[in-house]
């Protein structure tokens, strides 16, 4: 019988999985509800700053993931 779920086998893999799950949680309604306020941060609404944070965090996590995959010589 085939396994439907593939789990990471290294510490780096588990770290990336946790990072991706955290980013997914940052974009869901409960988290967005907490930051959806009429507050300005550096002249921008808090919601916009939160969105930028999530987007740039996604880029950083994906770059780290690519480095780990290249280091392990996986395709």
Protein backbone atom coordinates (compact mmCIF):
# COMPACT_ATOMS: atom_id res chain seq x y z
CA UNK A 1 0.00 0.00 0.00
CA UNK A 2 1.34 3.44 -0.94
CA UNK A 3 1.77 6.13 1.64
CA UNK A 4 -0.27 9.23 0.90
CA UNK A 5 1.75 11.49 3.17
CA UNK A 6 5.47 12.10 2.76
CA UNK A 7 7.20 13.46 5.84
CA UNK A 8 10.60 15.15 6.04
CA UNK A 9 13.55 13.02 7.04
CA UNK A 10 16.01 15.69 8.23
CA UNK A 11 16.04 18.50 10.75
CA UNK A 12 16.19 21.05 7.95
CA UNK A 13 13.16 19.45 6.31
CA UNK A 14 11.16 19.58 9.52
CA UNK A 15 12.20 23.19 10.04
CA UNK A 16 10.99 24.10 6.56
CA UNK A 17 7.72 22.26 7.10
CA UNK A 18 7.13 24.21 10.31
CA UNK A 19 8.07 27.47 8.57
CA UNK A 20 5.61 26.82 5.72
CA UNK A 21 2.82 25.87 8.13
CA UNK A 22 3.51 29.04 10.13
CA UNK A 23 3.27 31.13 6.97
CA UNK A 24 -0.02 29.49 6.07
CA UNK A 25 -1.32 30.27 9.56
CA UNK A 26 -0.18 33.90 9.22
CA UNK A 27 -2.46 34.29 6.21
CA UNK A 28 -5.62 32.84 7.75
CA UNK A 29 -8.52 34.76 9.19
CA UNK A 30 -7.77 34.59 12.95
CA UNK A 31 -4.32 36.12 12.46
CA UNK A 32 -5.57 38.69 9.98
CA UNK A 33 -8.36 39.63 12.39
CA UNK A 34 -5.77 40.45 15.05
CA UNK A 35 -3.83 42.84 12.81
CA UNK A 36 -6.81 44.40 11.01
CA UNK A 37 -6.79 47.68 12.95
CA UNK A 38 -6.71 51.36 12.09
CA UNK A 39 -3.06 51.66 13.14
CA UNK A 40 -0.30 53.19 11.04
CA UNK A 41 3.17 51.70 10.96
CA UNK A 42 5.72 53.77 9.06
CA UNK A 43 2.82 55.58 7.41
CA UNK A 44 1.16 52.36 6.18
CA UNK A 45 -1.88 50.60 7.61
CA UNK A 46 -0.97 47.67 9.86
CA UNK A 47 -2.77 45.29 7.49
CA UNK A 48 -0.50 46.32 4.58
CA UNK A 49 2.63 45.92 6.71
CA UNK A 50 1.40 42.46 7.78
CA UNK A 51 0.81 41.50 4.13
CA UNK A 52 4.32 42.61 3.15
CA UNK A 53 5.74 40.65 6.08
CA UNK A 54 3.95 37.48 4.96
CA UNK A 55 5.02 37.91 1.32
CA UNK A 56 8.68 38.58 2.12
CA UNK A 57 8.72 35.74 4.64
CA UNK A 58 7.43 33.38 1.93
CA UNK A 59 10.26 34.46 -0.37
CA UNK A 60 12.87 33.92 2.35
CA UNK A 61 11.56 30.48 3.31
CA UNK A 62 11.47 29.41 -0.34
CA UNK A 63 15.06 30.63 -0.87
CA UNK A 64 16.19 28.68 2.18
CA UNK A 65 14.34 25.60 0.91
CA UNK A 66 16.04 25.88 -2.48
CA UNK A 67 19.46 26.16 -0.83
CA UNK A 68 18.80 23.05 1.25
CA UNK A 69 17.65 21.07 -1.79
CA UNK A 70 20.69 22.19 -3.81
CA UNK A 71 23.01 21.29 -0.93
CA UNK A 72 21.57 17.76 -0.74
CA UNK A 73 21.76 17.27 -4.52
CA UNK A 74 18.06 16.42 -4.85
CA UNK A 75 16.00 17.19 -7.90
